[in-house]
Amino acid sequence: MFSFRLSGLPLALLPLSALLGACGSAPTPAAPAAAETTPTVSGQLSGAQNTTANLIGSGQTLAVTSVDAQGRFSLTLPGATQLTGVKTSLSEGLLADLGCTGTLNLSDPGAQGYGFATLTSGSGQQYADASVTKTLTTRIVRGRAYLYADRPTTITGPLNCSQATGYPTTVQVDVNASAGWNVVALNITGSLGFGGISVGGTLGNGQLAPGSVWTDVDTLRDQVAP
């Protein structure tokens, strides 16, 4: 499971200018009108070589591909038949592998699917398509997750991702999904201000980034630590 955790820093140890700097951050680019769809995911597992990249769900290997000496891979995502045993209503289970919970609203209540945010190497190490930006008082995680939908639907509402972050965290979901595999953009921001630590995020329509670097989750945890 990918964990995003910020530990509290005493306010007295931070200069006023740094605390004020936590109030603003670089704007996030506007999301596309619909999530981009793709039958494959390609990238580079940072630090891995000559192994495999595995999509594992409910104890099953749903897809697997080779990873070359530079860590590069291209994974063909499983189709409807391969997902028969793991599909659930898209109103629940979104970002479950990150520890998020909640019931979402669907424009088509019958829509089912499956999503993932991590791949597992042959050695058992988990990797996420994500990166961390950090300052003295902020941590920003930007990444992508991948969502299969058996029919077009919008998915909206809040998720409770407190288990993932270690702090009260609401992630607002607003995804326009098509039938097939959709790319969704995940952004989580933690900041330290006068009121203490605040963490929140969004999950919206995303765009594919072929060749993106997938970072192992232990390194991501280290990067978000103060």
Protein backbone atom coordinates (compact mmCIF):
# COMPACT_ATOMS: atom_id res chain seq x y z
CA MET A 1 0.00 0.00 0.00
CA PHE A 2 1.31 3.45 -0.85
CA SER A 3 1.36 5.69 2.22
CA PHE A 4 1.64 9.48 2.22
CA ARG A 5 2.63 10.65 5.69
CA LEU A 6 3.68 14.00 7.11
CA SER A 7 4.95 14.23 10.68
CA GLY A 8 4.18 17.36 12.69
CA LEU A 9 6.85 20.06 12.91
CA PRO A 10 6.75 22.54 15.82
CA LEU A 11 5.50 25.88 14.54
CA ALA A 12 8.04 27.69 16.71
CA LEU A 13 10.87 26.13 14.73
CA LEU A 14 9.68 27.58 11.42
CA PRO A 15 10.24 31.18 10.33
CA LEU A 16 7.17 33.29 9.64
CA SER A 17 8.07 33.60 5.97
CA ALA A 18 8.13 29.81 5.61
CA LEU A 19 4.73 29.46 7.26
CA LEU A 20 3.25 32.08 4.97
CA GLY A 21 4.78 30.28 2.01
CA ALA A 22 2.63 27.26 2.85
CA CYS A 23 -0.49 29.22 1.95
CA GLY A 24 0.19 29.11 -1.77
CA SER A 25 1.48 26.64 -4.31
CA ALA A 26 1.93 26.34 -8.05
CA PRO A 27 -1.39 26.07 -9.89
CA THR A 28 -2.42 22.66 -11.18
CA PRO A 29 -3.04 22.53 -14.97
CA ALA A 30 -6.67 22.29 -16.01
CA ALA A 31 -7.93 18.71 -16.27
CA PRO A 32 -9.07 17.34 -19.64
CA ALA A 33 -12.82 17.04 -20.29
CA ALA A 34 -12.61 13.25 -20.06
CA ALA A 35 -10.05 10.78 -18.79
CA GLU A 36 -7.70 9.54 -21.49
CA THR A 37 -8.13 5.86 -22.31
CA THR A 38 -5.35 3.39 -23.05
CA PRO A 39 -4.91 -0.37 -23.56
CA THR A 40 -1.32 -0.30 -22.30
CA VAL A 41 0.85 1.33 -19.65
CA SER A 42 4.56 1.93 -20.25
CA GLY A 43 7.20 3.38 -18.01
CA GLN A 44 10.39 2.77 -16.08
CA LEU A 45 10.67 1.12 -12.69
CA SER A 46 13.27 3.25 -10.93
CA GLY A 47 16.21 1.16 -9.77
CA ALA A 48 14.83 -2.13 -11.14
CA GLN A 49 16.35 -4.21 -13.92
CA ASN A 50 15.82 -7.56 -15.63
CA THR A 51 12.71 -8.44 -13.68
CA THR A 52 8.94 -8.37 -14.23
CA ALA A 53 6.15 -5.86 -13.65
CA ASN A 54 2.99 -7.46 -12.31
CA LEU A 55 -0.56 -6.17 -11.89
CA ILE A 56 -1.95 -8.04 -8.90
CA GLY A 57 -5.53 -7.84 -7.66
CA SER A 58 -7.45 -9.96 -5.15
CA GLY A 59 -4.48 -12.31 -4.94
CA GLN A 60 -4.43 -12.88 -8.70
CA THR A 61 -1.86 -11.86 -11.29
CA LEU A 62 -4.01 -10.00 -13.79
CA ALA A 63 -1.18 -8.98 -16.15
CA VAL A 64 2.58 -9.37 -16.32
CA THR A 65 5.39 -8.12 -18.56
CA SER A 66 9.18 -8.10 -18.65
CA VAL A 67 11.36 -5.24 -17.38
CA ASP A 68 14.63 -4.65 -19.24
CA ALA A 69 18.09 -3.72 -17.95
CA GLN A 70 17.11 -0.03 -17.81
CA GLY A 71 13.92 -0.70 -15.89
CA ARG A 72 11.67 -0.05 -18.89
CA PHE A 73 8.43 -1.95 -19.43
CA SER A 74 5.24 -1.94 -21.47
CA LEU A 75 2.24 -3.67 -19.90
CA THR A 76 -0.87 -4.69 -21.81
CA LEU A 77 -3.77 -4.13 -19.44
CA PRO A 78 -6.26 -6.95 -18.86
CA GLY A 79 -9.55 -7.06 -20.73
CA ALA A 80 -13.09 -7.59 -19.52
CA THR A 81 -12.80 -11.39 -19.39
CA GLN A 82 -9.63 -11.29 -17.26
CA LEU A 83 -11.28 -8.84 -14.87
CA THR A 84 -14.46 -10.85 -14.33
CA GLY A 85 -13.48 -11.99 -10.85
CA VAL A 86 -12.26 -8.60 -9.58
CA LYS A 87 -14.73 -6.08 -11.02
CA THR A 88 -16.95 -4.27 -8.52
CA SER A 89 -19.30 -1.31 -8.57
CA LEU A 90 -17.40 1.87 -9.37
CA SER A 91 -19.26 3.54 -6.52
CA GLU A 92 -16.89 1.80 -4.09
CA GLY A 93 -13.33 0.56 -4.06
CA LEU A 94 -11.71 3.47 -5.90
CA LEU A 95 -8.13 3.92 -4.61
CA ALA A 96 -8.67 1.02 -2.22
CA ASP A 97 -5.04 -0.04 -2.65
CA LEU A 98 -4.08 3.36 -1.22
CA GLY A 99 -6.32 2.83 1.81
CA CYS A 100 -9.12 5.16 0.68
CA THR A 101 -12.76 4.45 1.44
CA GLY A 102 -16.13 5.95 0.57
CA THR A 103 -19.22 5.60 -1.57
CA LEU A 104 -19.24 7.68 -4.75
CA ASN A 105 -21.97 8.86 -7.11
CA LEU A 106 -22.26 7.38 -10.61
CA SER A 107 -24.21 8.79 -13.55
CA ASP A 108 -24.76 5.14 -14.50
CA PRO A 109 -25.42 3.26 -11.23
CA GLY A 110 -24.75 -0.09 -12.90
CA ALA A 111 -21.18 0.76 -13.94
CA GLN A 112 -18.55 -1.69 -12.74
CA GLY A 113 -14.81 -1.77 -13.00
CA TYR A 114 -11.44 -2.12 -11.35
CA GLY A 115 -8.62 0.29 -10.56
CA PHE A 116 -4.99 0.20 -9.48
CA ALA A 117 -2.27 2.64 -8.47
CA THR A 118 0.68 0.26 -8.00
CA LEU A 119 2.55 -2.45 -9.86
CA THR A 120 4.66 -5.13 -8.20
CA SER A 121 8.11 -6.17 -9.40
CA GLY A 122 9.31 -9.76 -9.53
CA SER A 123 11.04 -9.20 -6.18
CA GLY A 124 7.77 -8.12 -4.55
CA GLN A 125 8.55 -4.39 -4.39
CA GLN A 126 5.59 -2.11 -5.13
CA TYR A 127 5.93 0.86 -7.49
CA ALA A 128 3.66 3.85 -8.06
CA ASP A 129 3.41 6.17 -11.05
CA ALA A 130 3.99 9.18 -8.81
CA SER A 131 6.46 11.85 -7.77
CA VAL A 132 6.91 14.13 -4.77
CA THR A 133 7.57 17.87 -4.63
CA LYS A 134 8.62 19.18 -1.24
CA THR A 135 9.45 22.43 0.50
CA LEU A 136 10.07 23.15 4.17
CA THR A 137 6.32 23.26 4.88
CA THR A 138 4.63 21.39 2.05
CA ARG A 139 4.57 17.97 0.43
CA ILE A 140 2.80 17.48 -2.90
CA VAL A 141 2.26 14.04 -4.39
CA ARG A 142 1.27 14.00 -8.05
CA GLY A 143 0.61 10.76 -9.82
CA ARG A 144 -1.63 8.63 -11.96
CA ALA A 145 -3.91 5.71 -11.26
CA TYR A 146 -5.62 3.49 -13.83
CA LEU A 147 -9.31 2.69 -13.83
CA TYR A 148 -11.23 0.16 -15.91
CA ALA A 149 -14.92 0.92 -16.53
CA ASP A 150 -17.29 -1.46 -18.30
CA ARG A 151 -19.36 1.48 -19.59
CA PRO A 152 -19.18 5.28 -19.70
CA THR A 153 -20.00 7.00 -16.42
CA THR A 154 -19.11 10.00 -14.35
CA ILE A 155 -17.76 9.33 -10.86
CA THR A 156 -18.06 12.07 -8.25
CA GLY A 157 -17.93 12.55 -4.51
CA PRO A 158 -15.51 12.49 -1.56
CA LEU A 159 -13.15 9.72 -0.51
CA ASN A 160 -11.74 9.37 2.98
CA CYS A 161 -8.01 8.82 2.49
CA SER A 162 -6.97 9.35 6.10
CA GLN A 163 -5.52 5.84 6.30
CA ALA A 164 -3.23 6.65 3.40
CA THR A 165 -1.95 9.96 4.79
CA GLY A 166 -2.10 9.56 8.55
CA TYR A 167 -4.13 12.80 8.82
CA PRO A 168 -7.77 13.68 8.21
CA THR A 169 -7.84 13.74 4.41
CA THR A 170 -10.65 14.14 1.92
CA VAL A 171 -9.96 13.49 -1.75
CA GLN A 172 -12.60 14.98 -4.02
CA VAL A 173 -13.34 12.76 -7.02
CA ASP A 174 -14.56 14.13 -10.36
CA VAL A 175 -13.88 11.65 -13.17
CA ASN A 176 -15.53 11.36 -16.57
CA ALA A 177 -14.76 7.73 -17.48
CA SER A 178 -15.20 6.01 -20.82
CA ALA A 179 -15.56 2.27 -21.41
CA GLY A 180 -12.11 0.68 -21.11
CA TRP A 181 -9.01 1.68 -19.18
CA ASN A 182 -8.96 5.33 -18.05
CA VAL A 183 -6.05 7.41 -16.79
CA VAL A 184 -6.92 9.36 -13.64
CA ALA A 185 -4.82 12.09 -12.07
CA LEU A 186 -4.19 12.02 -8.31
CA ASN A 187 -2.98 15.09 -6.44
CA ILE A 188 -2.50 15.18 -2.67
CA THR A 189 -1.12 18.21 -0.84
CA GLY A 190 -0.04 18.46 2.76
CA SER A 191 0.87 21.84 4.24
CA LEU A 192 1.81 23.28 7.61
CA GLY A 193 0.23 26.62 8.48
CA PHE A 194 -0.94 28.58 11.48
CA GLY A 195 -3.79 26.10 12.02
CA GLY A 196 -1.52 23.05 11.96
CA ILE A 197 -1.17 20.38 9.27
CA SER A 198 -3.77 20.28 6.52
CA VAL A 199 -3.99 17.51 3.91
CA GLY A 200 -6.39 17.21 0.98
CA GLY A 201 -6.51 16.14 -2.61
CA THR A 202 -8.30 15.57 -5.87
CA LEU A 203 -8.81 12.67 -8.27
CA GLY A 204 -9.79 13.74 -11.75
CA ASN A 205 -9.45 13.13 -15.46
CA GLY A 206 -5.87 12.30 -16.36
CA GLN A 207 -3.57 12.01 -19.33
CA LEU A 208 -1.15 9.24 -20.22
CA ALA A 209 2.58 9.87 -19.75
CA PRO A 210 4.37 7.10 -21.71
CA GLY A 211 7.76 6.30 -20.24
CA SER A 212 7.04 7.90 -16.88
CA VAL A 213 9.20 6.90 -13.94
CA TRP A 214 7.51 4.63 -11.40
CA THR A 215 9.05 5.05 -7.94
CA ASP A 216 9.09 2.33 -5.30
CA VAL A 217 6.74 3.13 -2.46
CA ASP A 218 9.44 2.99 0.22
CA THR A 219 11.31 5.80 -1.56
CA LEU A 220 8.09 7.80 -1.86
CA ARG A 221 7.52 7.44 1.88
CA ASP A 222 11.04 8.73 2.54
CA GLN A 223 10.49 11.67 0.19
CA VAL A 224 7.31 12.84 1.94
CA ALA A 225 8.88 12.60 5.38
CA PRO A 226 10.01 15.95 6.92
